[in-house]
């Protein structure tokens, strides 16, 4: 489940999109929370939703829960690269050209 990369990351890694993971920083591009930037706190691969910190909705009983944002409505602005396999995936299959 991939999301678009920001123009700076696109230039740096020569890729248009990359899979979203918990810990990535994303910017919301559409909807009620347009312009909000925050870290990904959860990912629902089945429904293609991500959950971003401080993006919540209020329930009828007064409690809050995370608001799902569809992956097509976000842009990755910062990647969490503490996993060596993820670092290798950035360069795999993409020759500079």
N, C-alpha and C. Protein backbone atom coordinates (compact mmCIF):
# COMPACT_ATOMS: atom_id res chain seq x y z
N UNK A 1 0.84 -1.16 0.00
CA UNK A 1 0.00 0.00 0.00
C UNK A 1 0.89 1.24 0.00
N UNK A 2 1.03 1.86 -1.14
CA UNK A 2 1.98 2.96 -1.31
C UNK A 2 1.28 4.31 -1.36
N UNK A 3 2.05 5.32 -1.01
CA UNK A 3 1.59 6.70 -1.09
C UNK A 3 2.63 7.51 -1.86
N UNK A 4 2.20 8.64 -2.39
CA UNK A 4 3.11 9.51 -3.12
C UNK A 4 4.19 10.05 -2.20
N UNK A 5 5.37 10.26 -2.77
CA UNK A 5 6.46 10.90 -2.04
C UNK A 5 6.43 12.40 -2.31
N UNK A 6 6.94 13.19 -1.38
CA UNK A 6 7.03 14.63 -1.58
C UNK A 6 8.02 14.92 -2.71
N UNK A 7 7.95 16.09 -3.32
CA UNK A 7 8.88 16.41 -4.41
C UNK A 7 10.35 16.28 -4.02
N UNK A 8 10.71 16.62 -2.78
CA UNK A 8 12.10 16.50 -2.33
C UNK A 8 12.52 15.04 -2.27
N UNK A 9 11.66 14.16 -1.72
CA UNK A 9 11.99 12.74 -1.64
C UNK A 9 11.98 12.10 -3.02
N UNK A 10 11.09 12.56 -3.88
CA UNK A 10 11.02 12.06 -5.26
C UNK A 10 12.33 12.30 -5.99
N UNK A 11 12.86 13.50 -5.80
CA UNK A 11 14.13 13.86 -6.43
C UNK A 11 15.29 13.06 -5.85
N UNK A 12 15.28 12.91 -4.53
CA UNK A 12 16.38 12.24 -3.83
C UNK A 12 16.45 10.75 -4.16
N UNK A 13 15.30 10.07 -4.18
CA UNK A 13 15.28 8.61 -4.35
C UNK A 13 14.87 8.16 -5.74
N UNK A 14 14.50 9.10 -6.62
CA UNK A 14 14.11 8.78 -7.99
C UNK A 14 12.94 7.80 -8.03
N UNK A 15 11.97 8.02 -7.15
CA UNK A 15 10.76 7.19 -7.08
C UNK A 15 9.55 8.11 -6.92
N UNK A 16 8.41 7.67 -7.40
CA UNK A 16 7.19 8.46 -7.27
C UNK A 16 6.44 8.12 -5.99
N UNK A 17 6.45 6.83 -5.62
CA UNK A 17 5.70 6.42 -4.44
C UNK A 17 6.48 5.36 -3.68
N UNK A 18 6.05 5.10 -2.44
CA UNK A 18 6.72 4.14 -1.58
C UNK A 18 5.72 3.66 -0.54
N UNK A 19 5.83 2.40 -0.09
CA UNK A 19 4.88 1.90 0.91
C UNK A 19 4.92 2.69 2.22
N UNK A 20 3.75 2.91 2.79
CA UNK A 20 3.61 3.66 4.04
C UNK A 20 3.80 2.71 5.21
N UNK A 21 4.50 3.18 6.23
CA UNK A 21 4.70 2.42 7.46
C UNK A 21 4.46 3.31 8.67
N UNK A 22 4.21 2.67 9.80
CA UNK A 22 4.07 3.40 11.05
C UNK A 22 5.40 4.11 11.33
N UNK A 23 5.33 5.38 11.68
CA UNK A 23 6.53 6.17 11.95
C UNK A 23 6.88 7.15 10.85
N UNK A 24 6.36 6.95 9.64
CA UNK A 24 6.58 7.91 8.56
C UNK A 24 5.82 9.21 8.88
N UNK A 25 6.35 10.32 8.41
CA UNK A 25 5.65 11.59 8.54
C UNK A 25 4.93 11.87 7.23
N UNK A 26 3.63 12.17 7.32
CA UNK A 26 2.83 12.39 6.12
C UNK A 26 2.09 13.73 6.21
N UNK A 27 1.70 14.22 5.05
CA UNK A 27 0.89 15.43 4.95
C UNK A 27 -0.43 15.05 4.29
N UNK A 28 -1.54 15.48 4.86
CA UNK A 28 -2.86 15.17 4.30
C UNK A 28 -3.17 16.19 3.21
N UNK A 29 -3.56 15.70 2.03
CA UNK A 29 -3.76 16.55 0.86
C UNK A 29 -5.21 16.90 0.60
N UNK A 30 -6.16 16.10 1.07
CA UNK A 30 -7.57 16.31 0.75
C UNK A 30 -8.42 16.15 2.01
N UNK A 31 -9.60 16.73 1.97
CA UNK A 31 -10.57 16.51 3.03
C UNK A 31 -10.52 17.53 4.15
N UNK A 32 -11.20 17.20 5.23
CA UNK A 32 -11.36 18.10 6.37
C UNK A 32 -10.02 18.47 7.03
N UNK A 33 -9.07 17.56 6.99
CA UNK A 33 -7.78 17.77 7.64
C UNK A 33 -6.68 18.15 6.65
N UNK A 34 -7.04 18.75 5.53
CA UNK A 34 -6.09 19.14 4.51
C UNK A 34 -5.02 20.04 5.10
N UNK A 35 -3.74 19.73 4.80
CA UNK A 35 -2.63 20.53 5.28
C UNK A 35 -2.03 20.06 6.58
N UNK A 36 -2.70 19.15 7.29
CA UNK A 36 -2.19 18.65 8.56
C UNK A 36 -1.04 17.70 8.29
N UNK A 37 0.02 17.85 9.08
CA UNK A 37 1.18 16.98 8.95
C UNK A 37 1.41 16.28 10.28
N UNK A 38 1.69 14.99 10.22
CA UNK A 38 1.92 14.24 11.44
C UNK A 38 2.46 12.85 11.15
N UNK A 39 2.80 12.14 12.22
CA UNK A 39 3.34 10.78 12.08
C UNK A 39 2.21 9.78 11.94
N UNK A 40 2.48 8.72 11.19
CA UNK A 40 1.53 7.63 11.02
C UNK A 40 1.55 6.78 12.29
N UNK A 41 0.37 6.60 12.89
CA UNK A 41 0.27 5.80 14.11
C UNK A 41 -0.29 4.41 13.83
N UNK A 42 -0.93 4.23 12.68
CA UNK A 42 -1.48 2.92 12.34
C UNK A 42 -1.77 2.82 10.86
N UNK A 43 -1.83 1.58 10.37
CA UNK A 43 -2.09 1.32 8.96
C UNK A 43 -3.08 0.17 8.86
N UNK A 44 -4.15 0.35 8.08
CA UNK A 44 -5.11 -0.72 7.81
C UNK A 44 -4.94 -1.10 6.35
N UNK A 45 -4.21 -2.19 6.10
CA UNK A 45 -3.90 -2.58 4.73
C UNK A 45 -5.12 -3.09 3.99
N UNK A 46 -6.06 -3.69 4.68
CA UNK A 46 -7.24 -4.24 4.03
C UNK A 46 -8.11 -3.14 3.43
N UNK A 47 -8.34 -2.06 4.17
CA UNK A 47 -9.19 -0.97 3.70
C UNK A 47 -8.39 0.20 3.13
N UNK A 48 -7.07 0.09 3.12
CA UNK A 48 -6.15 1.11 2.59
C UNK A 48 -6.31 2.44 3.31
N UNK A 49 -6.33 2.38 4.65
CA UNK A 49 -6.40 3.58 5.48
C UNK A 49 -5.15 3.71 6.31
N UNK A 50 -4.79 4.94 6.61
CA UNK A 50 -3.73 5.22 7.57
C UNK A 50 -4.32 6.09 8.67
N UNK A 51 -3.71 6.03 9.84
CA UNK A 51 -4.14 6.83 10.97
C UNK A 51 -2.97 7.75 11.33
N UNK A 52 -3.25 9.05 11.42
CA UNK A 52 -2.23 10.07 11.65
C UNK A 52 -2.45 10.65 13.04
N UNK A 53 -1.34 10.91 13.76
CA UNK A 53 -1.46 11.46 15.10
C UNK A 53 -2.19 12.81 15.07
N UNK A 54 -2.98 13.05 16.09
CA UNK A 54 -3.77 14.27 16.27
C UNK A 54 -4.87 14.45 15.21
N UNK A 55 -5.20 13.42 14.46
CA UNK A 55 -6.32 13.46 13.53
C UNK A 55 -7.36 12.49 14.09
N UNK A 56 -8.32 13.04 14.83
CA UNK A 56 -9.30 12.22 15.52
C UNK A 56 -10.70 12.70 15.21
N UNK A 57 -11.68 11.86 15.55
CA UNK A 57 -13.07 12.26 15.44
C UNK A 57 -13.76 11.95 16.76
N UNK A 58 -14.74 12.75 17.09
CA UNK A 58 -15.45 12.61 18.36
C UNK A 58 -16.64 11.69 18.17
N UNK A 59 -16.79 10.75 19.10
CA UNK A 59 -17.92 9.83 19.06
C UNK A 59 -19.09 10.43 19.84
N UNK A 60 -20.26 9.83 19.70
CA UNK A 60 -21.47 10.34 20.34
C UNK A 60 -21.36 10.35 21.86
N UNK A 61 -20.60 9.41 22.43
CA UNK A 61 -20.47 9.37 23.89
C UNK A 61 -19.37 10.29 24.41
N UNK A 62 -18.75 11.09 23.54
CA UNK A 62 -17.75 12.06 23.96
C UNK A 62 -16.31 11.60 23.83
N UNK A 63 -16.09 10.32 23.61
CA UNK A 63 -14.72 9.83 23.45
C UNK A 63 -14.23 10.13 22.04
N UNK A 64 -12.93 10.06 21.87
CA UNK A 64 -12.36 10.28 20.54
C UNK A 64 -11.70 9.01 20.05
N UNK A 65 -11.65 8.88 18.74
CA UNK A 65 -10.97 7.75 18.12
C UNK A 65 -10.23 8.25 16.89
N UNK A 66 -9.19 7.53 16.45
CA UNK A 66 -8.43 7.98 15.28
C UNK A 66 -9.30 8.02 14.03
N UNK A 67 -9.09 9.05 13.21
CA UNK A 67 -9.86 9.22 11.98
C UNK A 67 -9.09 8.55 10.85
N UNK A 68 -9.71 7.58 10.15
CA UNK A 68 -9.01 6.95 9.03
C UNK A 68 -8.89 7.90 7.83
N UNK A 69 -7.71 7.93 7.23
CA UNK A 69 -7.45 8.74 6.03
C UNK A 69 -7.02 7.77 4.93
N UNK A 70 -7.68 7.85 3.77
CA UNK A 70 -7.34 6.96 2.67
C UNK A 70 -5.94 7.28 2.17
N UNK A 71 -5.21 6.24 1.80
CA UNK A 71 -3.80 6.38 1.42
C UNK A 71 -3.62 7.27 0.18
N UNK A 72 -4.63 7.38 -0.66
CA UNK A 72 -4.51 8.22 -1.85
C UNK A 72 -4.57 9.71 -1.51
N UNK A 73 -4.97 10.04 -0.29
CA UNK A 73 -5.10 11.43 0.11
C UNK A 73 -3.94 11.93 0.96
N UNK A 74 -2.84 11.19 0.99
CA UNK A 74 -1.69 11.62 1.78
C UNK A 74 -0.44 11.66 0.91
N UNK A 75 0.58 12.36 1.42
CA UNK A 75 1.88 12.42 0.76
C UNK A 75 2.94 12.22 1.84
N UNK A 76 3.87 11.33 1.58
CA UNK A 76 4.94 11.09 2.55
C UNK A 76 5.96 12.22 2.46
N UNK A 77 6.22 12.87 3.61
CA UNK A 77 7.18 13.96 3.63
C UNK A 77 8.49 13.56 4.27
N UNK A 78 8.47 12.51 5.11
CA UNK A 78 9.70 12.04 5.75
C UNK A 78 9.57 10.54 5.98
N UNK A 79 10.58 9.78 5.57
CA UNK A 79 10.57 8.34 5.73
C UNK A 79 11.29 7.92 6.99
N UNK A 80 10.78 6.89 7.64
CA UNK A 80 11.47 6.30 8.79
C UNK A 80 12.37 5.19 8.24
N UNK A 81 13.68 5.41 8.29
CA UNK A 81 14.62 4.51 7.62
C UNK A 81 15.52 3.75 8.59
N UNK A 82 15.01 3.36 9.77
CA UNK A 82 15.85 2.62 10.70
C UNK A 82 15.85 1.12 10.43
N UNK A 83 15.20 0.69 9.36
CA UNK A 83 15.17 -0.71 8.95
C UNK A 83 16.05 -0.88 7.70
N UNK A 84 17.05 -1.75 7.78
CA UNK A 84 17.99 -1.91 6.65
C UNK A 84 17.29 -2.46 5.41
N UNK A 85 16.23 -3.25 5.58
CA UNK A 85 15.51 -3.80 4.43
C UNK A 85 14.74 -2.68 3.71
N UNK A 86 14.24 -1.73 4.46
CA UNK A 86 13.53 -0.62 3.85
C UNK A 86 14.50 0.29 3.10
N UNK A 87 15.67 0.49 3.64
CA UNK A 87 16.69 1.28 2.95
C UNK A 87 17.07 0.62 1.62
N UNK A 88 17.20 -0.70 1.65
CA UNK A 88 17.55 -1.43 0.42
C UNK A 88 16.42 -1.35 -0.60
N UNK A 89 15.18 -1.32 -0.14
CA UNK A 89 14.03 -1.27 -1.04
C UNK A 89 13.98 0.06 -1.80
N UNK A 90 14.53 1.12 -1.25
CA UNK A 90 14.53 2.42 -1.93
C UNK A 90 15.36 2.39 -3.21
N UNK A 91 16.41 1.61 -3.22
CA UNK A 91 17.29 1.59 -4.38
C UNK A 91 17.04 0.40 -5.30
N UNK A 92 16.28 -0.59 -4.81
CA UNK A 92 16.04 -1.79 -5.60
C UNK A 92 15.20 -1.49 -6.83
N UNK A 93 15.67 -1.92 -7.99
CA UNK A 93 14.89 -1.84 -9.22
C UNK A 93 14.79 -0.47 -9.83
N UNK A 94 15.47 0.50 -9.26
CA UNK A 94 15.41 1.86 -9.79
C UNK A 94 16.81 2.35 -10.10
N UNK A 95 17.17 2.32 -11.38
CA UNK A 95 18.46 2.84 -11.77
C UNK A 95 18.31 4.31 -12.11
N UNK A 96 19.28 5.09 -11.73
CA UNK A 96 19.23 6.53 -12.03
C UNK A 96 19.32 6.71 -13.55
N UNK A 97 18.39 7.42 -14.07
CA UNK A 97 18.41 7.52 -15.52
C UNK A 97 17.78 8.73 -15.97
